[in-house]
PDB file of N, CA and C in Angstrom:
ATOM      1  N   MET A   1     182.285 190.586 -55.040  1.00  0.00           N
ATOM      2  CA  MET A   1     183.241 189.502 -54.898  1.00  0.00           C
ATOM      3  C   MET A   1     183.988 189.385 -56.219  1.00  0.00           C
ATOM      4  N   ASN A   2     185.280 189.688 -56.183  1.00  0.00           N
ATOM      5  CA  ASN A   2     186.032 189.628 -57.439  1.00  0.00           C
ATOM      6  C   ASN A   2     186.670 188.262 -57.631  1.00  0.00           C
ATOM      7  N   GLY A   3     187.258 188.050 -58.772  1.00  0.00           N
ATOM      8  CA  GLY A   3     187.796 186.745 -59.132  1.00  0.00           C
ATOM      9  C   GLY A   3     189.061 186.337 -58.405  1.00  0.00           C
ATOM     10  N   THR A   4     189.711 187.264 -57.690  1.00  0.00           N
ATOM     11  CA  THR A   4     190.939 186.893 -56.994  1.00  0.00           C
ATOM     12  C   THR A   4     190.690 186.379 -55.579  1.00  0.00           C
ATOM     13  N   HIS A   5     189.476 186.544 -55.074  1.00  0.00           N
ATOM     14  CA  HIS A   5     189.180 186.085 -53.718  1.00  0.00           C
ATOM     15  C   HIS A   5     189.356 184.570 -53.597  1.00  0.00           C
ATOM     16  N   ILE A   6     189.809 184.154 -52.432  1.00  0.00           N
ATOM     17  CA  ILE A   6     189.897 182.731 -52.102  1.00  0.00           C
ATOM     18  C   ILE A   6     188.745 182.437 -51.155  1.00  0.00           C
ATOM     19  N   VAL A   7     187.896 181.488 -51.523  1.00  0.00           N
ATOM     20  CA  VAL A   7     186.755 181.100 -50.691  1.00  0.00           C
ATOM     21  C   VAL A   7     186.840 179.600 -50.467  1.00  0.00           C
ATOM     22  N   ARG A   8     186.827 179.223 -49.185  1.00  0.00           N
ATOM     23  CA  ARG A   8     186.902 177.797 -48.857  1.00  0.00           C
ATOM     24  C   ARG A   8     185.907 177.467 -47.754  1.00  0.00           C
ATOM     25  N   MET A   9     185.613 176.194 -47.695  1.00  0.00           N
ATOM     26  CA  MET A   9     184.785 175.647 -46.629  1.00  0.00           C
ATOM     27  C   MET A   9     185.644 174.616 -45.903  1.00  0.00           C
ATOM     28  N   ALA A  10     185.796 174.802 -44.604  1.00  0.00           N
ATOM     29  CA  ALA A  10     186.490 173.807 -43.789  1.00  0.00           C
ATOM     30  C   ALA A  10     185.425 172.951 -43.119  1.00  0.00           C
ATOM     31  N   GLU A  11     185.554 171.638 -43.278  1.00  0.00           N
ATOM     32  CA  GLU A  11     184.641 170.687 -42.640  1.00  0.00           C
ATOM     33  C   GLU A  11     185.458 169.963 -41.580  1.00  0.00           C
ATOM     34  N   ILE A  12     185.120 170.184 -40.304  1.00  0.00           N
ATOM     35  CA  ILE A  12     185.934 169.700 -39.202  1.00  0.00           C
ATOM     36  C   ILE A  12     185.078 168.861 -38.267  1.00  0.00           C
ATOM     37  N   GLU A  13     185.640 167.741 -37.831  1.00  0.00           N
ATOM     38  CA  GLU A  13     184.991 166.929 -36.807  1.00  0.00           C
ATOM     39  C   GLU A  13     185.882 166.946 -35.572  1.00  0.00           C
ATOM     40  N   ILE A  14     185.291 167.288 -34.438  1.00  0.00           N
ATOM     41  CA  ILE A  14     186.011 167.471 -33.187  1.00  0.00           C
ATOM     42  C   ILE A  14     185.683 166.324 -32.232  1.00  0.00           C
ATOM     43  N   ASN A  15     186.655 165.953 -31.413  1.00  0.00           N
ATOM     44  CA  ASN A  15     186.402 165.001 -30.329  1.00  0.00           C
ATOM     45  C   ASN A  15     185.344 165.646 -29.426  1.00  0.00           C
ATOM     46  N   PRO A  16     184.164 165.024 -29.272  1.00  0.00           N
ATOM     47  CA  PRO A  16     183.092 165.659 -28.499  1.00  0.00           C
ATOM     48  C   PRO A  16     183.499 166.027 -27.068  1.00  0.00           C
ATOM     49  N   ALA A  17     184.395 165.278 -26.467  1.00  0.00           N
ATOM     50  CA  ALA A  17     184.818 165.564 -25.098  1.00  0.00           C
ATOM     51  C   ALA A  17     185.610 166.869 -25.013  1.00  0.00           C
ATOM     52  N   GLN A  18     186.111 167.350 -26.140  1.00  0.00           N
ATOM     53  CA  GLN A  18     186.932 168.553 -26.151  1.00  0.00           C
ATOM     54  C   GLN A  18     186.246 169.719 -26.863  1.00  0.00           C
ATOM     55  N   LEU A  19     184.954 169.594 -27.080  1.00  0.00           N
ATOM     56  CA  LEU A  19     184.234 170.574 -27.892  1.00  0.00           C
ATOM     57  C   LEU A  19     184.260 171.983 -27.302  1.00  0.00           C
ATOM     58  N   ASP A  20     184.046 172.127 -26.007  1.00  0.00           N
ATOM     59  CA  ASP A  20     184.024 173.465 -25.408  1.00  0.00           C
ATOM     60  C   ASP A  20     185.380 174.155 -25.566  1.00  0.00           C
ATOM     61  N   ALA A  21     186.457 173.426 -25.304  1.00  0.00           N
ATOM     62  CA  ALA A  21     187.808 173.989 -25.446  1.00  0.00           C
ATOM     63  C   ALA A  21     188.070 174.351 -26.908  1.00  0.00           C
ATOM     64  N   TYR A  22     187.642 173.489 -27.831  1.00  0.00           N
ATOM     65  CA  TYR A  22     187.831 173.775 -29.254  1.00  0.00           C
ATOM     66  C   TYR A  22     187.096 175.054 -29.649  1.00  0.00           C
ATOM     67  N   ARG A  23     185.846 175.158 -29.243  1.00  0.00           N
ATOM     68  CA  ARG A  23     185.041 176.322 -29.628  1.00  0.00           C
ATOM     69  C   ARG A  23     185.648 177.613 -29.094  1.00  0.00           C
ATOM     70  N   ALA A  24     186.196 177.578 -27.889  1.00  0.00           N
ATOM     71  CA  ALA A  24     186.824 178.773 -27.315  1.00  0.00           C
ATOM     72  C   ALA A  24     188.043 179.190 -28.143  1.00  0.00           C
ATOM     73  N   LEU A  25     188.893 178.234 -28.515  1.00  0.00           N
ATOM     74  CA  LEU A  25     190.075 178.547 -29.330  1.00  0.00           C
ATOM     75  C   LEU A  25     189.673 179.042 -30.715  1.00  0.00           C
ATOM     76  N   LEU A  26     188.662 178.419 -31.308  1.00  0.00           N
ATOM     77  CA  LEU A  26     188.197 178.829 -32.638  1.00  0.00           C
ATOM     78  C   LEU A  26     187.649 180.254 -32.599  1.00  0.00           C
ATOM     79  N   SER A  27     186.830 180.561 -31.601  1.00  0.00           N
ATOM     80  CA  SER A  27     186.248 181.902 -31.500  1.00  0.00           C
ATOM     81  C   SER A  27     187.337 182.954 -31.346  1.00  0.00           C
ATOM     82  N   GLU A  28     188.333 182.666 -30.509  1.00  0.00           N
ATOM     83  CA  GLU A  28     189.450 183.596 -30.305  1.00  0.00           C
ATOM     84  C   GLU A  28     190.211 183.825 -31.612  1.00  0.00           C
ATOM     85  N   GLU A  29     190.447 182.754 -32.351  1.00  0.00           N
ATOM     86  CA  GLU A  29     191.201 182.856 -33.608  1.00  0.00           C
ATOM     87  C   GLU A  29     190.423 183.658 -34.644  1.00  0.00           C
ATOM     88  N   ILE A  30     189.147 183.401 -34.776  1.00  0.00           N
ATOM     89  CA  ILE A  30     188.336 184.113 -35.769  1.00  0.00           C
ATOM     90  C   ILE A  30     188.278 185.604 -35.444  1.00  0.00           C
ATOM     91  N   GLU A  31     188.040 185.940 -34.178  1.00  0.00           N
ATOM     92  CA  GLU A  31     187.975 187.352 -33.794  1.00  0.00           C
ATOM     93  C   GLU A  31     189.292 188.060 -34.099  1.00  0.00           C
ATOM     94  N   ALA A  32     190.420 187.431 -33.777  1.00  0.00           N
ATOM     95  CA  ALA A  32     191.730 188.040 -34.029  1.00  0.00           C
ATOM     96  C   ALA A  32     191.992 188.191 -35.523  1.00  0.00           C
ATOM     97  N   ALA A  33     191.694 187.162 -36.292  1.00  0.00           N
ATOM     98  CA  ALA A  33     191.970 187.196 -37.728  1.00  0.00           C
ATOM     99  C   ALA A  33     191.203 188.319 -38.416  1.00  0.00           C
ATOM    100  N   VAL A  34     189.924 188.453 -38.103  1.00  0.00           N
ATOM    101  CA  VAL A  34     189.104 189.480 -38.751  1.00  0.00           C
ATOM    102  C   VAL A  34     189.531 190.873 -38.289  1.00  0.00           C
ATOM    103  N   ALA A  35     189.895 191.006 -37.018  1.00  0.00           N
ATOM    104  CA  ALA A  35     190.288 192.309 -36.488  1.00  0.00           C
ATOM    105  C   ALA A  35     191.672 192.749 -36.978  1.00  0.00           C
ATOM    106  N   LEU A  36     192.605 191.803 -37.100  1.00  0.00           N
ATOM    107  CA  LEU A  36     194.005 192.157 -37.322  1.00  0.00           C
ATOM    108  C   LEU A  36     194.500 191.999 -38.764  1.00  0.00           C
ATOM    109  N   GLU A  37     193.797 191.212 -39.569  1.00  0.00           N
ATOM    110  CA  GLU A  37     194.284 190.919 -40.917  1.00  0.00           C
ATOM    111  C   GLU A  37     193.391 191.576 -41.967  1.00  0.00           C
ATOM    112  N   GLU A  38     193.959 192.522 -42.704  1.00  0.00           N
ATOM    113  CA  GLU A  38     193.196 193.208 -43.745  1.00  0.00           C
ATOM    114  C   GLU A  38     192.689 192.234 -44.809  1.00  0.00           C
ATOM    115  N   GLY A  39     193.464 191.197 -45.118  1.00  0.00           N
ATOM    116  CA  GLY A  39     193.111 190.265 -46.180  1.00  0.00           C
ATOM    117  C   GLY A  39     192.113 189.192 -45.794  1.00  0.00           C
ATOM    118  N   VAL A  40     191.760 189.102 -44.516  1.00  0.00           N
ATOM    119  CA  VAL A  40     190.714 188.172 -44.081  1.00  0.00           C
ATOM    120  C   VAL A  40     189.401 188.936 -44.168  1.00  0.00           C
ATOM    121  N   LEU A  41     188.619 188.640 -45.200  1.00  0.00           N
ATOM    122  CA  LEU A  41     187.381 189.377 -45.434  1.00  0.00           C
ATOM    123  C   LEU A  41     186.253 188.883 -44.544  1.00  0.00           C
ATOM    124  N   SER A  42     186.175 187.565 -44.341  1.00  0.00           N
ATOM    125  CA  SER A  42     185.189 187.036 -43.398  1.00  0.00           C
ATOM    126  C   SER A  42     185.524 185.603 -43.031  1.00  0.00           C
ATOM    127  N   LEU A  43     185.164 185.262 -41.809  1.00  0.00           N
ATOM    128  CA  LEU A  43     185.254 183.892 -41.298  1.00  0.00           C
ATOM    129  C   LEU A  43     183.967 183.650 -40.530  1.00  0.00           C
ATOM    130  N   SER A  44     183.249 182.604 -40.887  1.00  0.00           N
ATOM    131  CA  SER A  44     181.992 182.267 -40.210  1.00  0.00           C
ATOM    132  C   SER A  44     182.021 180.795 -39.840  1.00  0.00           C
ATOM    133  N   ALA A  45     181.842 180.508 -38.547  1.00  0.00           N
ATOM    134  CA  ALA A  45     181.851 179.121 -38.072  1.00  0.00           C
ATOM    135  C   ALA A  45     180.460 178.750 -37.575  1.00  0.00           C
ATOM    136  N   VAL A  46     180.027 177.560 -37.950  1.00  0.00           N
ATOM    137  CA  VAL A  46     178.748 177.026 -37.494  1.00  0.00           C
ATOM    138  C   VAL A  46     178.936 175.559 -37.123  1.00  0.00           C
ATOM    139  N   ALA A  47     178.016 175.068 -36.292  1.00  0.00           N
ATOM    140  CA  ALA A  47     177.998 173.655 -35.932  1.00  0.00           C
ATOM    141  C   ALA A  47     176.730 173.025 -36.509  1.00  0.00           C
ATOM    142  N   ILE A  48     176.850 171.781 -36.940  1.00  0.00           N
ATOM    143  CA  ILE A  48     175.673 171.051 -37.421  1.00  0.00           C
ATOM    144  C   ILE A  48     174.726 170.858 -36.228  1.00  0.00           C
ATOM    145  N   LYS A  49     173.466 171.228 -36.397  1.00  0.00           N
ATOM    146  CA  LYS A  49     172.530 171.311 -35.267  1.00  0.00           C
ATOM    147  C   LYS A  49     172.468 170.041 -34.416  1.00  0.00           C
ATOM    148  N   ASP A  50     172.286 168.888 -35.010  1.00  0.00           N
ATOM    149  CA  ASP A  50     172.169 167.661 -34.224  1.00  0.00           C
ATOM    150  C   ASP A  50     173.502 166.936 -34.048  1.00  0.00           C
ATOM    151  N   SER A  51     174.583 167.528 -34.545  1.00  0.00           N
ATOM    152  CA  SER A  51     175.930 166.965 -34.408  1.00  0.00           C
ATOM    153  C   SER A  51     176.889 168.118 -34.106  1.00  0.00           C
ATOM    154  N   PRO A  52     176.820 168.669 -32.882  1.00  0.00           N
ATOM    155  CA  PRO A  52     177.576 169.887 -32.578  1.00  0.00           C
ATOM    156  C   PRO A  52     179.090 169.734 -32.672  1.00  0.00           C
ATOM    157  N   HIS A  53     179.574 168.497 -32.754  1.00  0.00           N
ATOM    158  CA  HIS A  53     181.016 168.266 -32.910  1.00  0.00           C
ATOM    159  C   HIS A  53     181.455 168.364 -34.376  1.00  0.00           C
ATOM    160  N   LYS A  54     180.490 168.567 -35.269  1.00  0.00           N
ATOM    161  CA  LYS A  54     180.798 168.760 -36.689  1.00  0.00           C
ATOM    162  C   LYS A  54     180.694 170.246 -36.997  1.00  0.00           C
ATOM    163  N   ILE A  55     181.852 170.849 -37.253  1.00  0.00           N
ATOM    164  CA  ILE A  55     181.967 172.288 -37.437  1.00  0.00           C
ATOM    165  C   ILE A  55     182.187 172.587 -38.916  1.00  0.00           C
ATOM    166  N   ARG A  56     181.600 173.673 -39.393  1.00  0.00           N
ATOM    167  CA  ARG A  56     181.831 174.148 -40.752  1.00  0.00           C
ATOM    168  C   ARG A  56     182.271 175.606 -40.664  1.00  0.00           C
ATOM    169  N   ILE A  57     183.327 175.943 -41.389  1.00  0.00           N
ATOM    170  CA  ILE A  57     183.824 177.314 -41.402  1.00  0.00           C
ATOM    171  C   ILE A  57     183.875 177.794 -42.844  1.00  0.00           C
ATOM    172  N   LEU A  58     183.189 178.901 -43.123  1.00  0.00           N
ATOM    173  CA  LEU A  58     183.266 179.534 -44.438  1.00  0.00           C
ATOM    174  C   LEU A  58     184.314 180.628 -44.328  1.00  0.00           C
ATOM    175  N   GLU A  59     185.342 180.539 -45.150  1.00  0.00           N
ATOM    176  CA  GLU A  59     186.483 181.444 -45.105  1.00  0.00           C
ATOM    177  C   GLU A  59     186.551 182.237 -46.407  1.00  0.00           C
ATOM    178  N   VAL A  60     186.706 183.564 -46.303  1.00  0.00           N
ATOM    179  CA  VAL A  60     186.844 184.413 -47.487  1.00  0.00           C
ATOM    180  C   VAL A  60     188.077 185.294 -47.295  1.00  0.00           C
ATOM    181  N   TYR A  61     189.025 185.162 -48.224  1.00  0.00           N
ATOM    182  CA  TYR A  61     190.272 185.920 -48.194  1.00  0.00           C
ATOM    183  C   TYR A  61     190.349 186.803 -49.439  1.00  0.00           C
ATOM    184  N   ALA A  62     191.020 187.937 -49.310  1.00  0.00           N
ATOM    185  CA  ALA A  62     191.135 188.877 -50.432  1.00  0.00           C
ATOM    186  C   ALA A  62     191.813 188.235 -51.635  1.00  0.00           C
ATOM    187  N   ASP A  63     192.826 187.402 -51.382  1.00  0.00           N
ATOM    188  CA  ASP A  63     193.556 186.737 -52.458  1.00  0.00           C
ATOM    189  C   ASP A  63     194.417 185.630 -51.852  1.00  0.00           C
ATOM    190  N   ARG A  64     195.149 184.907 -52.691  1.00  0.00           N
ATOM    191  CA  ARG A  64     195.973 183.792 -52.226  1.00  0.00           C
ATOM    192  C   ARG A  64     197.034 184.263 -51.230  1.00  0.00           C
ATOM    193  N   ALA A  65     197.634 185.436 -51.473  1.00  0.00           N
ATOM    194  CA  ALA A  65     198.662 185.954 -50.568  1.00  0.00           C
ATOM    195  C   ALA A  65     198.079 186.195 -49.175  1.00  0.00           C
ATOM    196  N   ALA A  66     196.861 186.701 -49.099  1.00  0.00           N
ATOM    197  CA  ALA A  66     196.212 186.934 -47.804  1.00  0.00           C
ATOM    198  C   ALA A  66     195.967 185.609 -47.086  1.00  0.00           C
ATOM    199  N   TYR A  67     195.539 184.601 -47.837  1.00  0.00           N
ATOM    200  CA  TYR A  67     195.320 183.280 -47.240  1.00  0.00           C
ATOM    201  C   TYR A  67     196.630 182.707 -46.708  1.00  0.00           C
ATOM    202  N   GLU A  68     197.681 182.774 -47.516  1.00  0.00           N
ATOM    203  CA  GLU A  68     198.973 182.218 -47.097  1.00  0.00           C
ATOM    204  C   GLU A  68     199.545 182.988 -45.911  1.00  0.00           C
ATOM    205  N   ALA A  69     199.361 184.302 -45.876  1.00  0.00           N
ATOM    206  CA  ALA A  69     199.818 185.105 -44.742  1.00  0.00           C
ATOM    207  C   ALA A  69     199.051 184.722 -43.476  1.00  0.00           C
ATOM    208  N   HIS A  70     197.757 184.458 -43.614  1.00  0.00           N
ATOM    209  CA  HIS A  70     196.921 184.066 -42.470  1.00  0.00           C
ATOM    210  C   HIS A  70     197.483 182.821 -41.785  1.00  0.00           C
ATOM    211  N   LEU A  71     197.945 181.874 -42.577  1.00  0.00           N
ATOM    212  CA  LEU A  71     198.445 180.609 -42.027  1.00  0.00           C
ATOM    213  C   LEU A  71     199.702 180.788 -41.183  1.00  0.00           C
ATOM    214  N   LEU A  72     200.368 181.925 -41.285  1.00  0.00           N
ATOM    215  CA  LEU A  72     201.616 182.177 -40.552  1.00  0.00           C
ATOM    216  C   LEU A  72     201.427 183.103 -39.352  1.00  0.00           C
ATOM    217  N   THR A  73     200.211 183.577 -39.114  1.00  0.00           N
ATOM    218  CA  THR A  73     199.994 184.532 -38.020  1.00  0.00           C
ATOM    219  C   THR A  73     200.052 183.828 -36.665  1.00  0.00           C
ATOM    220  N   PRO A  74     200.463 184.552 -35.615  1.00  0.00           N
ATOM    221  CA  PRO A  74     200.509 183.947 -34.273  1.00  0.00           C
ATOM    222  C   PRO A  74     199.149 183.414 -33.812  1.00  0.00           C
ATOM    223  N   HIS A  75     198.060 184.130 -34.111  1.00  0.00           N
ATOM    224  CA  HIS A  75     196.745 183.659 -33.659  1.00  0.00           C
ATOM    225  C   HIS A  75     196.319 182.381 -34.381  1.00  0.00           C
ATOM    226  N   PHE A  76     196.632 182.260 -35.676  1.00  0.00           N
ATOM    227  CA  PHE A  76     196.283 181.016 -36.370  1.00  0.00           C
ATOM    228  C   PHE A  76     197.129 179.861 -35.852  1.00  0.00           C
ATOM    229  N   LEU A  77     198.429 180.095 -35.666  1.00  0.00           N
ATOM    230  CA  LEU A  77     199.305 179.026 -35.175  1.00  0.00           C
ATOM    231  C   LEU A  77     198.914 178.583 -33.764  1.00  0.00           C
ATOM    232  N   LYS A  78     198.475 179.525 -32.924  1.00  0.00           N
ATOM    233  CA  LYS A  78     197.990 179.162 -31.582  1.00  0.00           C
ATOM    234  C   LYS A  78     196.770 178.249 -31.699  1.00  0.00           C
ATOM    235  N   TYR A  79     195.840 178.613 -32.589  1.00  0.00           N
ATOM    236  CA  TYR A  79     194.644 177.791 -32.823  1.00  0.00           C
ATOM    237  C   TYR A  79     195.038 176.414 -33.358  1.00  0.00           C
ATOM    238  N   LYS A  80     195.878 176.393 -34.388  1.00  0.00           N
ATOM    239  CA  LYS A  80     196.254 175.135 -35.048  1.00  0.00           C
ATOM    240  C   LYS A  80     196.947 174.195 -34.072  1.00  0.00           C
ATOM    241  N   ASN A  81     197.919 174.722 -33.329  1.00  0.00           N
ATOM    242  CA  ASN A  81     198.659 173.891 -32.376  1.00  0.00           C
ATOM    243  C   ASN A  81     197.795 173.513 -31.176  1.00  0.00           C
ATOM    244  N   GLY A  82     196.970 174.445 -30.717  1.00  0.00           N
ATOM    245  CA  GLY A  82     196.130 174.199 -29.544  1.00  0.00           C
ATOM    246  C   GLY A  82     195.021 173.202 -29.789  1.00  0.00           C
ATOM    247  N   THR A  83     194.569 173.088 -31.033  1.00  0.00           N
ATOM    248  CA  THR A  83     193.445 172.193 -31.346  1.00  0.00           C
ATOM    249  C   THR A  83     193.880 170.899 -32.024  1.00  0.00           C
ATOM    250  N   ALA A  84     195.179 170.733 -32.259  1.00  0.00           N
ATOM    251  CA  ALA A  84     195.664 169.573 -33.028  1.00  0.00           C
ATOM    252  C   ALA A  84     195.148 168.256 -32.465  1.00  0.00           C
ATOM    253  N   GLY A  85     195.153 168.089 -31.159  1.00  0.00           N
ATOM    254  CA  GLY A  85     194.692 166.839 -30.558  1.00  0.00           C
ATOM    255  C   GLY A  85     193.189 166.715 -30.452  1.00  0.00           C
ATOM    256  N   MET A  86     192.468 167.782 -30.780  1.00  0.00           N
ATOM    257  CA  MET A  86     191.007 167.777 -30.679  1.00  0.00           C
ATOM    258  C   MET A  86     190.336 167.403 -31.989  1.00  0.00           C
ATOM    259  N   VAL A  87     191.039 167.630 -33.103  1.00  0.00           N
ATOM    260  CA  VAL A  87     190.451 167.463 -34.430  1.00  0.00           C
ATOM    261  C   VAL A  87     190.552 166.001 -34.867  1.00  0.00           C
ATOM    262  N   LYS A  88     189.387 165.382 -35.104  1.00  0.00           N
ATOM    263  CA  LYS A  88     189.362 164.005 -35.593  1.00  0.00           C
ATOM    264  C   LYS A  88     189.485 163.947 -37.103  1.00  0.00           C
ATOM    265  N   SER A  89     188.947 164.960 -37.795  1.00  0.00           N
ATOM    266  CA  SER A  89     189.089 165.023 -39.246  1.00  0.00           C
ATOM    267  C   SER A  89     188.946 166.463 -39.701  1.00  0.00           C
ATOM    268  N   LEU A  90     189.635 166.764 -40.814  1.00  0.00           N
ATOM    269  CA  LEU A  90     189.606 168.100 -41.407  1.00  0.00           C
ATOM    270  C   LEU A  90     189.623 167.939 -42.920  1.00  0.00           C
ATOM    271  N   THR A  91     188.631 168.544 -43.574  1.00  0.00           N
ATOM    272  CA  THR A  91     188.581 168.567 -45.028  1.00  0.00           C
ATOM    273  C   THR A  91     188.443 170.019 -45.455  1.00  0.00           C
ATOM    274  N   LEU A  92     189.358 170.475 -46.303  1.00  0.00           N
ATOM    275  CA  LEU A  92     189.283 171.826 -46.858  1.00  0.00           C
ATOM    276  C   LEU A  92     188.757 171.728 -48.281  1.00  0.00           C
ATOM    277  N   VAL A  93     187.685 172.462 -48.561  1.00  0.00           N
ATOM    278  CA  VAL A  93     187.027 172.403 -49.858  1.00  0.00           C
ATOM    279  C   VAL A  93     187.064 173.795 -50.483  1.00  0.00           C
ATOM    280  N   ASP A  94     187.691 173.926 -51.643  1.00  0.00           N
ATOM    281  CA  ASP A  94     187.620 175.184 -52.380  1.00  0.00           C
ATOM    282  C   ASP A  94     186.229 175.276 -52.980  1.00  0.00           C
ATOM    283  N   VAL A  95     185.576 176.397 -52.769  1.00  0.00           N
ATOM    284  CA  VAL A  95     184.207 176.548 -53.255  1.00  0.00           C
ATOM    285  C   VAL A  95     184.115 177.759 -54.173  1.00  0.00           C
ATOM    286  N   GLU A  96     183.122 177.737 -55.017  1.00  0.00           N
ATOM    287  CA  GLU A  96     182.844 178.819 -55.963  1.00  0.00           C
ATOM    288  C   GLU A  96     181.645 179.605 -55.441  1.00  0.00           C
ATOM    289  N   PRO A  97     181.837 180.866 -55.082  1.00  0.00           N
ATOM    290  CA  PRO A  97     180.688 181.651 -54.588  1.00  0.00           C
ATOM    291  C   PRO A  97     179.634 181.806 -55.677  1.00  0.00           C
ATOM    292  N   ILE A  98     178.393 181.645 -55.283  1.00  0.00           N
ATOM    293  CA  ILE A  98     177.261 181.900 -56.184  1.00  0.00           C
ATOM    294  C   ILE A  98     176.679 183.255 -55.840  1.00  0.00           C
ATOM    295  N   ALA A  99     176.319 183.443 -54.582  1.00  0.00           N
ATOM    296  CA  ALA A  99     175.809 184.726 -54.107  1.00  0.00           C
ATOM    297  C   ALA A  99     176.203 184.854 -52.650  1.00  0.00           C
ATOM    298  N   MET A 100     176.883 185.932 -52.320  1.00  0.00           N
ATOM    299  CA  MET A 100     177.258 186.183 -50.943  1.00  0.00           C
ATOM    300  C   MET A 100     176.961 187.647 -50.657  1.00  0.00           C
ATOM    301  N   ALA A 101     176.228 187.903 -49.597  1.00  0.00           N
ATOM    302  CA  ALA A 101     175.874 189.272 -49.250  1.00  0.00           C
ATOM    303  C   ALA A 101     175.881 189.418 -47.736  1.00  0.00           C
ATOM    304  N   ALA A 102     176.213 190.605 -47.284  1.00  0.00           N
ATOM    305  CA  ALA A 102     176.196 190.898 -45.857  1.00  0.00           C
ATOM    306  C   ALA A 102     175.938 192.389 -45.679  1.00  0.00           C
ATOM    307  N   LYS A 103     175.322 192.717 -44.599  1.00  0.00           N
ATOM    308  CA  LYS A 103     175.157 194.121 -44.267  1.00  0.00           C
ATOM    309  C   LYS A 103     176.474 194.621 -43.680  1.00  0.00           C
ATOM    310  N   PRO A 104     176.834 195.874 -43.887  1.00  0.00           N
ATOM    311  CA  PRO A 104     178.095 196.382 -43.319  1.00  0.00           C
ATOM    312  C   PRO A 104     178.062 196.433 -41.808  1.00  0.00           C
TER     313      PRO A 104
END
């Protein structure tokens, strides 16, 4: 992990009545972003176990340009526009990686 990578944590709260629809749009967006964008190094979404409407996404981009390009892609805009009425709150937190590892 080099110093130019952008790493963020998105903390999202979803309207529980719309959770299934939200999860479907999120899964579609993540799969497309990782498959189609060279600068999207990883996207991992999880739900808080006893509060499934509270979603956390760990995002890793090659650099700021990759992150900014991601925000303009058709798949991200479909997700953003499609989920706008489902999201009760969104907090984006820039984080400092301590240790991140994955098998290829």
